[in-house]
C-alpha atoms as a PDB file:
ATOM      1  CA  UNK A   1      47.732 136.033  82.765  1.00  0.00           C
ATOM      2  CA  UNK A   2      47.309 139.097  84.999  1.00  0.00           C
ATOM      3  CA  UNK A   3      49.273 141.500  82.508  1.00  0.00           C
ATOM      4  CA  UNK A   4      47.634 140.714  79.278  1.00  0.00           C
ATOM      5  CA  UNK A   5      45.499 143.214  77.504  1.00  0.00           C
ATOM      6  CA  UNK A   6      41.815 142.410  76.980  1.00  0.00           C
ATOM      7  CA  UNK A   7      40.274 143.820  73.894  1.00  0.00           C
ATOM      8  CA  UNK A   8      36.602 142.609  74.345  1.00  0.00           C
ATOM      9  CA  UNK A   9      33.829 143.506  71.983  1.00  0.00           C
ATOM     10  CA  UNK A  10      30.530 143.186  73.878  1.00  0.00           C
ATOM     11  CA  UNK A  11      28.490 141.928  71.015  1.00  0.00           C
ATOM     12  CA  UNK A  12      25.240 143.725  70.581  1.00  0.00           C
ATOM     13  CA  UNK A  13      23.972 140.910  67.908  1.00  0.00           C
ATOM     14  CA  UNK A  14      24.372 138.179  70.420  1.00  0.00           C
ATOM     15  CA  UNK A  15      22.413 140.145  73.089  1.00  0.00           C
ATOM     16  CA  UNK A  16      19.848 140.947  70.445  1.00  0.00           C
ATOM     17  CA  UNK A  17      19.636 137.413  69.449  1.00  0.00           C
ATOM     18  CA  UNK A  18      18.966 136.245  72.974  1.00  0.00           C
ATOM     19  CA  UNK A  19      16.264 139.146  73.778  1.00  0.00           C
ATOM     20  CA  UNK A  20      14.500 138.591  70.371  1.00  0.00           C
ATOM     21  CA  UNK A  21      14.290 134.566  70.697  1.00  0.00           C
ATOM     22  CA  UNK A  22      11.792 134.846  73.668  1.00  0.00           C
ATOM     23  CA  UNK A  23       9.622 137.427  71.956  1.00  0.00           C
ATOM     24  CA  UNK A  24       9.394 136.243  68.362  1.00  0.00           C
ATOM     25  CA  UNK A  25       7.480 133.255  66.915  1.00  0.00           C
ATOM     26  CA  UNK A  26       7.535 131.688  63.504  1.00  0.00           C
ATOM     27  CA  UNK A  27       5.495 134.764  62.365  1.00  0.00           C
ATOM     28  CA  UNK A  28       6.625 138.242  62.757  1.00  0.00           C
ATOM     29  CA  UNK A  29       4.134 140.078  65.191  1.00  0.00           C
ATOM     30  CA  UNK A  30       2.102 143.407  64.229  1.00  0.00           C
ATOM     31  CA  UNK A  31       3.076 146.549  66.001  1.00  0.00           C
ATOM     32  CA  UNK A  32      -0.083 146.033  68.110  1.00  0.00           C
ATOM     33  CA  UNK A  33       1.018 142.516  69.259  1.00  0.00           C
ATOM     34  CA  UNK A  34       4.436 143.785  70.274  1.00  0.00           C
ATOM     35  CA  UNK A  35       5.017 143.844  74.143  1.00  0.00           C
ATOM     36  CA  UNK A  36       4.239 147.457  75.519  1.00  0.00           C
ATOM     37  CA  UNK A  37       2.820 148.582  72.123  1.00  0.00           C
ATOM     38  CA  UNK A  38       1.270 152.062  72.464  1.00  0.00           C
ATOM     39  CA  UNK A  39      -0.643 154.233  70.171  1.00  0.00           C
ATOM     40  CA  UNK A  40       1.333 157.277  68.607  1.00  0.00           C
ATOM     41  CA  UNK A  41       2.230 159.846  69.549  1.00  0.00           C
ATOM     42  CA  UNK A  42       3.625 158.430  72.804  1.00  0.00           C
ATOM     43  CA  UNK A  43       6.106 159.517  75.468  1.00  0.00           C
ATOM     44  CA  UNK A  44       7.898 156.635  77.066  1.00  0.00           C
ATOM     45  CA  UNK A  45      10.915 156.350  79.482  1.00  0.00           C
ATOM     46  CA  UNK A  46      13.854 154.166  78.932  1.00  0.00           C
ATOM     47  CA  UNK A  47      16.951 153.012  80.875  1.00  0.00           C
ATOM     48  CA  UNK A  48      20.080 152.082  78.773  1.00  0.00           C
ATOM     49  CA  UNK A  49      23.309 150.764  80.313  1.00  0.00           C
ATOM     50  CA  UNK A  50      25.987 148.294  80.967  1.00  0.00           C
ATOM     51  CA  UNK A  51      26.310 146.034  84.246  1.00  0.00           C
ATOM     52  CA  UNK A  52      29.770 144.610  84.617  1.00  0.00           C
ATOM     53  CA  UNK A  53      30.543 142.097  87.203  1.00  0.00           C
ATOM     54  CA  UNK A  54      34.005 141.027  88.399  1.00  0.00           C
ATOM     55  CA  UNK A  55      35.501 137.585  87.969  1.00  0.00           C
ATOM     56  CA  UNK A  56      38.896 138.115  89.145  1.00  0.00           C
ATOM     57  CA  UNK A  57      41.119 141.360  88.954  1.00  0.00           C
ATOM     58  CA  UNK A  58      40.402 143.697  86.029  1.00  0.00           C
ATOM     59  CA  UNK A  59      42.008 147.135  85.617  1.00  0.00           C
ATOM     60  CA  UNK A  60      41.786 150.273  83.595  1.00  0.00           C
ATOM     61  CA  UNK A  61      38.599 149.165  81.817  1.00  0.00           C
ATOM     62  CA  UNK A  62      37.368 151.663  79.373  1.00  0.00           C
ATOM     63  CA  UNK A  63      33.675 150.933  78.302  1.00  0.00           C
ATOM     64  CA  UNK A  64      31.118 152.299  75.776  1.00  0.00           C
ATOM     65  CA  UNK A  65      27.568 151.621  74.649  1.00  0.00           C
ATOM     66  CA  UNK A  66      25.245 153.331  72.427  1.00  0.00           C
ATOM     67  CA  UNK A  67      22.415 155.705  73.401  1.00  0.00           C
ATOM     68  CA  UNK A  68      19.429 156.959  71.280  1.00  0.00           C
ATOM     69  CA  UNK A  69      19.545 160.327  69.609  1.00  0.00           C
ATOM     70  CA  UNK A  70      16.972 162.724  68.122  1.00  0.00           C
ATOM     71  CA  UNK A  71      15.374 162.091  64.769  1.00  0.00           C
ATOM     72  CA  UNK A  72      12.583 163.823  63.090  1.00  0.00           C
ATOM     73  CA  UNK A  73      10.074 161.429  64.348  1.00  0.00           C
ATOM     74  CA  UNK A  74      11.726 161.097  67.811  1.00  0.00           C
ATOM     75  CA  UNK A  75      12.676 163.367  70.411  1.00  0.00           C
ATOM     76  CA  UNK A  76      15.154 162.458  73.288  1.00  0.00           C
ATOM     77  CA  UNK A  77      15.413 164.152  76.781  1.00  0.00           C
ATOM     78  CA  UNK A  78      18.189 162.699  79.027  1.00  0.00           C
ATOM     79  CA  UNK A  79      16.718 162.519  82.579  1.00  0.00           C
ATOM     80  CA  UNK A  80      19.721 161.135  84.246  1.00  0.00           C
ATOM     81  CA  UNK A  81      23.292 159.755  83.876  1.00  0.00           C
ATOM     82  CA  UNK A  82      23.896 157.247  86.935  1.00  0.00           C
ATOM     83  CA  UNK A  83      27.031 155.268  87.698  1.00  0.00           C
ATOM     84  CA  UNK A  84      28.271 153.204  90.810  1.00  0.00           C
ATOM     85  CA  UNK A  85      31.023 154.713  92.784  1.00  0.00           C
ATOM     86  CA  UNK A  86      33.594 152.717  91.044  1.00  0.00           C
ATOM     87  CA  UNK A  87      33.030 154.161  87.900  1.00  0.00           C
ATOM     88  CA  UNK A  88      34.821 157.439  86.584  1.00  0.00           C
ATOM     89  CA  UNK A  89      34.420 159.924  83.813  1.00  0.00           C
ATOM     90  CA  UNK A  90      30.942 158.668  82.797  1.00  0.00           C
ATOM     91  CA  UNK A  91      29.712 160.871  80.030  1.00  0.00           C
ATOM     92  CA  UNK A  92      27.946 160.971  76.544  1.00  0.00           C
ATOM     93  CA  UNK A  93      30.052 161.535  73.419  1.00  0.00           C
ATOM     94  CA  UNK A  94      29.075 161.890  69.934  1.00  0.00           C
ATOM     95  CA  UNK A  95      29.915 159.198  67.378  1.00  0.00           C
ATOM     96  CA  UNK A  96      29.884 160.726  63.821  1.00  0.00           C
ATOM     97  CA  UNK A  97      27.012 162.908  63.183  1.00  0.00           C
ATOM     98  CA  UNK A  98      24.033 160.500  63.648  1.00  0.00           C
ATOM     99  CA  UNK A  99      25.143 158.518  66.741  1.00  0.00           C
ATOM    100  CA  UNK A 100      26.085 158.790  70.479  1.00  0.00           C
ATOM    101  CA  UNK A 101      27.892 156.432  72.993  1.00  0.00           C
ATOM    102  CA  UNK A 102      28.183 156.517  76.905  1.00  0.00           C
ATOM    103  CA  UNK A 103      31.836 156.311  77.650  1.00  0.00           C
ATOM    104  CA  UNK A 104      33.177 155.407  81.081  1.00  0.00           C
ATOM    105  CA  UNK A 105      36.317 154.114  82.998  1.00  0.00           C
ATOM    106  CA  UNK A 106      36.632 151.490  85.734  1.00  0.00           C
ATOM    107  CA  UNK A 107      39.770 151.759  87.393  1.00  0.00           C
ATOM    108  CA  UNK A 108      39.771 148.430  88.970  1.00  0.00           C
ATOM    109  CA  UNK A 109      37.159 145.538  89.458  1.00  0.00           C
ATOM    110  CA  UNK A 110      37.600 142.535  91.614  1.00  0.00           C
ATOM    111  CA  UNK A 111      35.784 139.223  91.635  1.00  0.00           C
ATOM    112  CA  UNK A 112      32.197 139.709  92.821  1.00  0.00           C
ATOM    113  CA  UNK A 113      32.264 143.585  92.439  1.00  0.00           C
ATOM    114  CA  UNK A 114      29.780 145.091  90.158  1.00  0.00           C
ATOM    115  CA  UNK A 115      30.061 148.258  88.144  1.00  0.00           C
ATOM    116  CA  UNK A 116      27.052 149.809  86.400  1.00  0.00           C
ATOM    117  CA  UNK A 117      26.351 152.976  84.468  1.00  0.00           C
ATOM    118  CA  UNK A 118      22.864 153.838  83.018  1.00  0.00           C
ATOM    119  CA  UNK A 119      21.346 156.595  80.849  1.00  0.00           C
ATOM    120  CA  UNK A 120      17.862 157.269  81.536  1.00  0.00           C
ATOM    121  CA  UNK A 121      15.970 159.035  78.684  1.00  0.00           C
ATOM    122  CA  UNK A 122      12.484 160.318  78.027  1.00  0.00           C
ATOM    123  CA  UNK A 123      11.610 159.401  74.435  1.00  0.00           C
ATOM    124  CA  UNK A 124       8.563 161.193  72.569  1.00  0.00           C
ATOM    125  CA  UNK A 125       7.736 159.216  69.509  1.00  0.00           C
ATOM    126  CA  UNK A 126       5.575 160.888  66.861  1.00  0.00           C
ATOM    127  CA  UNK A 127       3.010 159.343  64.425  1.00  0.00           C
ATOM    128  CA  UNK A 128       4.018 159.282  60.800  1.00  0.00           C
ATOM    129  CA  UNK A 129       1.625 158.693  57.827  1.00  0.00           C
ATOM    130  CA  UNK A 130       2.097 158.442  53.996  1.00  0.00           C
ATOM    131  CA  UNK A 131       2.255 161.664  51.844  1.00  0.00           C
ATOM    132  CA  UNK A 132      -1.003 162.696  50.503  1.00  0.00           C
ATOM    133  CA  UNK A 133       0.602 163.303  47.022  1.00  0.00           C
ATOM    134  CA  UNK A 134       3.411 160.493  46.641  1.00  0.00           C
ATOM    135  CA  UNK A 135       3.553 161.050  42.828  1.00  0.00           C
ATOM    136  CA  UNK A 136       5.513 164.329  43.364  1.00  0.00           C
ATOM    137  CA  UNK A 137       8.598 162.637  44.632  1.00  0.00           C
ATOM    138  CA  UNK A 138      11.568 161.823  42.688  1.00  0.00           C
ATOM    139  CA  UNK A 139      14.875 160.186  43.092  1.00  0.00           C
ATOM    140  CA  UNK A 140      17.689 162.597  44.707  1.00  0.00           C
ATOM    141  CA  UNK A 141      20.770 163.408  43.163  1.00  0.00           C
ATOM    142  CA  UNK A 142      23.307 160.693  42.770  1.00  0.00           C
ATOM    143  CA  UNK A 143      26.396 162.687  43.401  1.00  0.00           C
ATOM    144  CA  UNK A 144      25.401 163.715  46.963  1.00  0.00           C
ATOM    145  CA  UNK A 145      28.020 163.078  49.030  1.00  0.00           C
ATOM    146  CA  UNK A 146      26.084 163.092  52.031  1.00  0.00           C
ATOM    147  CA  UNK A 147      23.973 160.074  50.909  1.00  0.00           C
ATOM    148  CA  UNK A 148      26.811 157.962  49.192  1.00  0.00           C
ATOM    149  CA  UNK A 149      27.022 155.556  52.200  1.00  0.00           C
ATOM    150  CA  UNK A 150      23.249 154.662  51.678  1.00  0.00           C
ATOM    151  CA  UNK A 151      23.970 153.741  47.899  1.00  0.00           C
ATOM    152  CA  UNK A 152      26.815 151.441  48.511  1.00  0.00           C
ATOM    153  CA  UNK A 153      27.207 147.841  49.844  1.00  0.00           C
ATOM    154  CA  UNK A 154      27.107 147.541  53.746  1.00  0.00           C
ATOM    155  CA  UNK A 155      27.350 144.359  56.282  1.00  0.00           C
ATOM    156  CA  UNK A 156      24.821 141.925  54.949  1.00  0.00           C
ATOM    157  CA  UNK A 157      23.731 144.053  52.390  1.00  0.00           C
ATOM    158  CA  UNK A 158      25.475 143.312  49.028  1.00  0.00           C
ATOM    159  CA  UNK A 159      23.882 145.799  46.751  1.00  0.00           C
ATOM    160  CA  UNK A 160      26.405 145.304  44.008  1.00  0.00           C
ATOM    161  CA  UNK A 161      25.958 141.700  43.672  1.00  0.00           C
ATOM    162  CA  UNK A 162      25.022 140.543  40.146  1.00  0.00           C
ATOM    163  CA  UNK A 163      21.903 138.813  41.452  1.00  0.00           C
ATOM    164  CA  UNK A 164      20.629 141.661  43.214  1.00  0.00           C
ATOM    165  CA  UNK A 165      21.295 143.866  40.060  1.00  0.00           C
ATOM    166  CA  UNK A 166      19.419 141.525  37.863  1.00  0.00           C
ATOM    167  CA  UNK A 167      16.223 141.620  40.205  1.00  0.00           C
ATOM    168  CA  UNK A 168      16.496 145.401  40.565  1.00  0.00           C
ATOM    169  CA  UNK A 169      16.392 145.801  36.837  1.00  0.00           C
ATOM    170  CA  UNK A 170      12.650 144.781  36.728  1.00  0.00           C
ATOM    171  CA  UNK A 171      12.006 148.037  38.746  1.00  0.00           C
ATOM    172  CA  UNK A 172      13.115 150.515  36.404  1.00  0.00           C
ATOM    173  CA  UNK A 173      11.146 153.896  36.410  1.00  0.00           C
ATOM    174  CA  UNK A 174       9.031 154.450  33.592  1.00  0.00           C
ATOM    175  CA  UNK A 175       6.409 156.872  32.311  1.00  0.00           C
ATOM    176  CA  UNK A 176       3.923 154.776  34.091  1.00  0.00           C
ATOM    177  CA  UNK A 177       5.675 154.284  37.312  1.00  0.00           C
ATOM    178  CA  UNK A 178       6.947 157.180  39.361  1.00  0.00           C
ATOM    179  CA  UNK A 179       9.592 157.015  42.110  1.00  0.00           C
ATOM    180  CA  UNK A 180       7.269 156.099  44.952  1.00  0.00           C
ATOM    181  CA  UNK A 181       5.606 153.397  42.597  1.00  0.00           C
ATOM    182  CA  UNK A 182       8.839 152.234  41.843  1.00  0.00           C
ATOM    183  CA  UNK A 183      10.094 151.760  45.511  1.00  0.00           C
ATOM    184  CA  UNK A 184       6.678 150.263  46.442  1.00  0.00           C
ATOM    185  CA  UNK A 185       7.135 147.614  43.801  1.00  0.00           C
ATOM    186  CA  UNK A 186      10.485 146.660  45.382  1.00  0.00           C
ATOM    187  CA  UNK A 187       8.685 146.570  48.729  1.00  0.00           C
ATOM    188  CA  UNK A 188       5.905 144.418  47.739  1.00  0.00           C
ATOM    189  CA  UNK A 189       8.470 141.946  45.788  1.00  0.00           C
ATOM    190  CA  UNK A 190      10.387 141.337  48.718  1.00  0.00           C
ATOM    191  CA  UNK A 191       7.353 140.610  50.927  1.00  0.00           C
ATOM    192  CA  UNK A 192       5.867 138.312  48.183  1.00  0.00           C
ATOM    193  CA  UNK A 193       8.937 136.313  47.420  1.00  0.00           C
ATOM    194  CA  UNK A 194      10.780 136.040  50.826  1.00  0.00           C
ATOM    195  CA  UNK A 195       8.947 134.080  53.497  1.00  0.00           C
ATOM    196  CA  UNK A 196       9.285 135.192  57.038  1.00  0.00           C
ATOM    197  CA  UNK A 197      11.181 132.825  59.162  1.00  0.00           C
ATOM    198  CA  UNK A 198      13.004 133.938  62.548  1.00  0.00           C
ATOM    199  CA  UNK A 199      16.755 133.174  62.915  1.00  0.00           C
ATOM    200  CA  UNK A 200      18.908 133.600  65.807  1.00  0.00           C
ATOM    201  CA  UNK A 201      21.871 134.864  63.506  1.00  0.00           C
ATOM    202  CA  UNK A 202      21.890 137.909  61.151  1.00  0.00           C
ATOM    203  CA  UNK A 203      22.330 136.636  57.703  1.00  0.00           C
ATOM    204  CA  UNK A 204      23.124 138.564  54.478  1.00  0.00           C
ATOM    205  CA  UNK A 205      20.376 139.491  51.979  1.00  0.00           C
ATOM    206  CA  UNK A 206      21.981 137.104  49.664  1.00  0.00           C
ATOM    207  CA  UNK A 207      21.376 134.118  51.872  1.00  0.00           C
ATOM    208  CA  UNK A 208      17.633 135.306  52.238  1.00  0.00           C
ATOM    209  CA  UNK A 209      17.492 135.322  48.473  1.00  0.00           C
ATOM    210  CA  UNK A 210      18.940 131.749  48.003  1.00  0.00           C
ATOM    211  CA  UNK A 211      16.801 130.214  51.031  1.00  0.00           C
ATOM    212  CA  UNK A 212      13.541 132.147  50.071  1.00  0.00           C
ATOM    213  CA  UNK A 213      13.210 133.112  53.882  1.00  0.00           C
ATOM    214  CA  UNK A 214      14.373 135.396  56.416  1.00  0.00           C
ATOM    215  CA  UNK A 215      13.355 137.458  59.410  1.00  0.00           C
ATOM    216  CA  UNK A 216      13.137 141.485  59.769  1.00  0.00           C
ATOM    217  CA  UNK A 217      16.977 141.701  59.513  1.00  0.00           C
ATOM    218  CA  UNK A 218      17.185 139.916  56.141  1.00  0.00           C
ATOM    219  CA  UNK A 219      13.844 141.099  54.569  1.00  0.00           C
ATOM    220  CA  UNK A 220      15.072 144.752  55.452  1.00  0.00           C
ATOM    221  CA  UNK A 221      18.463 143.848  54.150  1.00  0.00           C
ATOM    222  CA  UNK A 222      17.216 142.950  51.001  1.00  0.00           C
ATOM    223  CA  UNK A 223      14.673 145.931  50.395  1.00  0.00           C
ATOM    224  CA  UNK A 224      17.639 148.131  51.074  1.00  0.00           C
ATOM    225  CA  UNK A 225      19.931 146.306  48.718  1.00  0.00           C
ATOM    226  CA  UNK A 226      17.404 146.465  45.794  1.00  0.00           C
ATOM    227  CA  UNK A 227      16.823 150.235  46.344  1.00  0.00           C
ATOM    228  CA  UNK A 228      20.486 151.058  46.350  1.00  0.00           C
ATOM    229  CA  UNK A 229      20.772 149.064  43.222  1.00  0.00           C
ATOM    230  CA  UNK A 230      18.299 151.212  41.611  1.00  0.00           C
ATOM    231  CA  UNK A 231      20.016 154.494  42.997  1.00  0.00           C
ATOM    232  CA  UNK A 232      17.626 155.091  45.657  1.00  0.00           C
ATOM    233  CA  UNK A 233      19.133 155.654  48.979  1.00  0.00           C
ATOM    234  CA  UNK A 234      18.202 153.324  51.664  1.00  0.00           C
ATOM    235  CA  UNK A 235      19.046 152.277  55.304  1.00  0.00           C
ATOM    236  CA  UNK A 236      18.372 149.986  58.246  1.00  0.00           C
ATOM    237  CA  UNK A 237      16.381 151.261  61.366  1.00  0.00           C
ATOM    238  CA  UNK A 238      16.908 149.473  64.622  1.00  0.00           C
ATOM    239  CA  UNK A 239      14.444 149.423  67.492  1.00  0.00           C
ATOM    240  CA  UNK A 240      14.089 146.928  70.433  1.00  0.00           C
ATOM    241  CA  UNK A 241      13.540 143.551  69.101  1.00  0.00           C
ATOM    242  CA  UNK A 242      12.988 144.711  65.672  1.00  0.00           C
ATOM    243  CA  UNK A 243      14.440 146.041  62.499  1.00  0.00           C
ATOM    244  CA  UNK A 244      12.785 147.871  59.437  1.00  0.00           C
ATOM    245  CA  UNK A 245      14.057 149.864  56.481  1.00  0.00           C
ATOM    246  CA  UNK A 246      13.373 153.395  55.159  1.00  0.00           C
ATOM    247  CA  UNK A 247      14.119 154.961  51.847  1.00  0.00           C
ATOM    248  CA  UNK A 248      15.018 158.550  50.680  1.00  0.00           C
ATOM    249  CA  UNK A 249      13.429 160.583  47.935  1.00  0.00           C
ATOM    250  CA  UNK A 250      12.920 164.237  47.214  1.00  0.00           C
ATOM    251  CA  UNK A 251       9.957 166.493  46.234  1.00  0.00           C
ATOM    252  CA  UNK A 252      10.003 168.814  43.257  1.00  0.00           C
ATOM    253  CA  UNK A 253      11.707 171.452  45.047  1.00  0.00           C
ATOM    254  CA  UNK A 254      14.548 169.456  46.096  1.00  0.00           C
ATOM    255  CA  UNK A 255      13.821 168.855  49.700  1.00  0.00           C
ATOM    256  CA  UNK A 256      14.414 165.152  50.841  1.00  0.00           C
ATOM    257  CA  UNK A 257      12.594 162.994  53.043  1.00  0.00           C
ATOM    258  CA  UNK A 258      13.127 159.642  54.739  1.00  0.00           C
ATOM    259  CA  UNK A 259      10.174 157.453  54.523  1.00  0.00           C
ATOM    260  CA  UNK A 260       9.921 154.143  56.675  1.00  0.00           C
ATOM    261  CA  UNK A 261       8.207 150.869  55.652  1.00  0.00           C
ATOM    262  CA  UNK A 262       7.776 147.614  57.515  1.00  0.00           C
ATOM    263  CA  UNK A 263       9.544 145.002  55.745  1.00  0.00           C
ATOM    264  CA  UNK A 264       8.282 142.162  58.044  1.00  0.00           C
ATOM    265  CA  UNK A 265       5.190 142.387  59.710  1.00  0.00           C
ATOM    266  CA  UNK A 266       1.847 144.239  58.883  1.00  0.00           C
ATOM    267  CA  UNK A 267       1.786 145.980  55.504  1.00  0.00           C
ATOM    268  CA  UNK A 268       2.963 149.794  56.121  1.00  0.00           C
ATOM    269  CA  UNK A 269       4.570 151.553  53.401  1.00  0.00           C
ATOM    270  CA  UNK A 270       5.654 155.115  53.806  1.00  0.00           C
ATOM    271  CA  UNK A 271       4.732 155.215  57.354  1.00  0.00           C
ATOM    272  CA  UNK A 272       5.686 153.512  60.519  1.00  0.00           C
ATOM    273  CA  UNK A 273       3.373 152.104  63.456  1.00  0.00           C
ATOM    274  CA  UNK A 274       6.222 151.121  65.716  1.00  0.00           C
ATOM    275  CA  UNK A 275       6.096 153.097  69.120  1.00  0.00           C
ATOM    276  CA  UNK A 276       9.254 151.843  70.340  1.00  0.00           C
ATOM    277  CA  UNK A 277      12.396 154.132  70.454  1.00  0.00           C
ATOM    278  CA  UNK A 278      14.848 154.222  67.601  1.00  0.00           C
ATOM    279  CA  UNK A 279      18.073 152.955  68.739  1.00  0.00           C
ATOM    280  CA  UNK A 280      20.178 153.512  65.608  1.00  0.00           C
ATOM    281  CA  UNK A 281      19.643 154.320  62.004  1.00  0.00           C
ATOM    282  CA  UNK A 282      22.170 153.202  59.450  1.00  0.00           C
ATOM    283  CA  UNK A 283      23.983 150.011  58.865  1.00  0.00           C
ATOM    284  CA  UNK A 284      27.722 150.709  58.165  1.00  0.00           C
ATOM    285  CA  UNK A 285      29.215 152.215  61.460  1.00  0.00           C
ATOM    286  CA  UNK A 286      32.988 152.682  61.930  1.00  0.00           C
ATOM    287  CA  UNK A 287      33.823 151.913  65.504  1.00  0.00           C
ATOM    288  CA  UNK A 288      37.230 152.253  67.253  1.00  0.00           C
ATOM    289  CA  UNK A 289      39.095 148.881  67.669  1.00  0.00           C
ATOM    290  CA  UNK A 290      37.092 147.399  64.420  1.00  0.00           C
ATOM    291  CA  UNK A 291      39.130 147.211  61.311  1.00  0.00           C
ATOM    292  CA  UNK A 292      35.670 146.927  59.399  1.00  0.00           C
ATOM    293  CA  UNK A 293      32.532 148.761  59.375  1.00  0.00           C
ATOM    294  CA  UNK A 294      29.744 147.260  61.641  1.00  0.00           C
ATOM    295  CA  UNK A 295      26.114 146.881  60.944  1.00  0.00           C
ATOM    296  CA  UNK A 296      25.343 148.059  64.441  1.00  0.00           C
ATOM    297  CA  UNK A 297      27.283 150.106  66.889  1.00  0.00           C
ATOM    298  CA  UNK A 298      28.353 147.599  69.678  1.00  0.00           C
ATOM    299  CA  UNK A 299      29.168 148.193  73.203  1.00  0.00           C
ATOM    300  CA  UNK A 300      33.133 147.914  73.482  1.00  0.00           C
ATOM    301  CA  UNK A 301      35.558 147.327  76.464  1.00  0.00           C
ATOM    302  CA  UNK A 302      39.041 147.645  76.754  1.00  0.00           C
ATOM    303  CA  UNK A 303      40.764 146.339  79.937  1.00  0.00           C
ATOM    304  CA  UNK A 304      43.829 144.697  81.587  1.00  0.00           C
ATOM    305  CA  UNK A 305      43.716 141.442  83.546  1.00  0.00           C
ATOM    306  CA  UNK A 306      40.686 139.048  83.813  1.00  0.00           C
ATOM    307  CA  UNK A 307      37.776 139.415  81.757  1.00  0.00           C
ATOM    308  CA  UNK A 308      34.591 140.156  83.670  1.00  0.00           C
ATOM    309  CA  UNK A 309      31.114 139.211  83.082  1.00  0.00           C
ATOM    310  CA  UNK A 310      28.705 141.775  81.413  1.00  0.00           C
ATOM    311  CA  UNK A 311      25.099 142.601  80.641  1.00  0.00           C
ATOM    312  CA  UNK A 312      23.639 145.187  78.275  1.00  0.00           C
ATOM    313  CA  UNK A 313      20.575 147.040  80.044  1.00  0.00           C
ATOM    314  CA  UNK A 314      17.593 148.108  77.809  1.00  0.00           C
ATOM    315  CA  UNK A 315      14.486 148.431  79.911  1.00  0.00           C
ATOM    316  CA  UNK A 316      11.419 150.427  79.460  1.00  0.00           C
ATOM    317  CA  UNK A 317      10.651 152.154  82.764  1.00  0.00           C
ATOM    318  CA  UNK A 318       7.115 153.686  82.236  1.00  0.00           C
ATOM    319  CA  UNK A 319       4.533 154.497  79.819  1.00  0.00           C
ATOM    320  CA  UNK A 320       1.998 156.950  79.094  1.00  0.00           C
END
């Protein structure tokens, strides 16, 4: 018992479900109704971390958890990295090109002992608005390796399913429908045909299609799947207590842009009123210790001995 190796995945999705359940109701709230909603642009301070409580004798624990990164509409300033004295080697590492993790070790943790590591960041969230001339935007080059992952299936987004392809056919671009209008038609179809209904579990876009309902996760997944089926890169964006999608188009000069939209909630296409920090962008992450891609980067822990209790920390410290 004492000598076995524990390989524990601290499931973000479970934590997310618990935190959202207390906030959401039968109808998706608008941005103004969300807790701590502020007007953009805005600067807020957030603390992210992991608190581990010993239940017995845990040794040589290696722990990671995700931290936010810069995006065009978000600037991150790390204010402090804090850890209890029983933690060693706490530092932030890159995970691929678009994500970061905090990594630390706990040599030993006994029953009742607490180990906690946190990252406090200042987040500047910039306002976004739809382009003045959306008709100039076109689909990007299909052979771009950079966007290949945003054109293929990922967890809960079965963009190559025949049902998805069949629906996507009705959104073919014509002389009377430019690329922007094509994507907006997909956006409107999802909102008109899939009712909002909160669920404690993340389900696939095919489940939402069959049931005729879903929450922000499923509505975003279905929008993304339909865009990908039409050759338009799209991805999920995760913020505290909410998920929304964004899509990629290029202007006539070949410069590319990612545009967000609110799949569940108030109508917002090509811009995003959410002031909360972007935790992650993307929906297919390769994480060490997991044989299959993950929708979200999950906190992880490897240790010998007894399995400790844990809590993922994500708190807004101040707002101005």
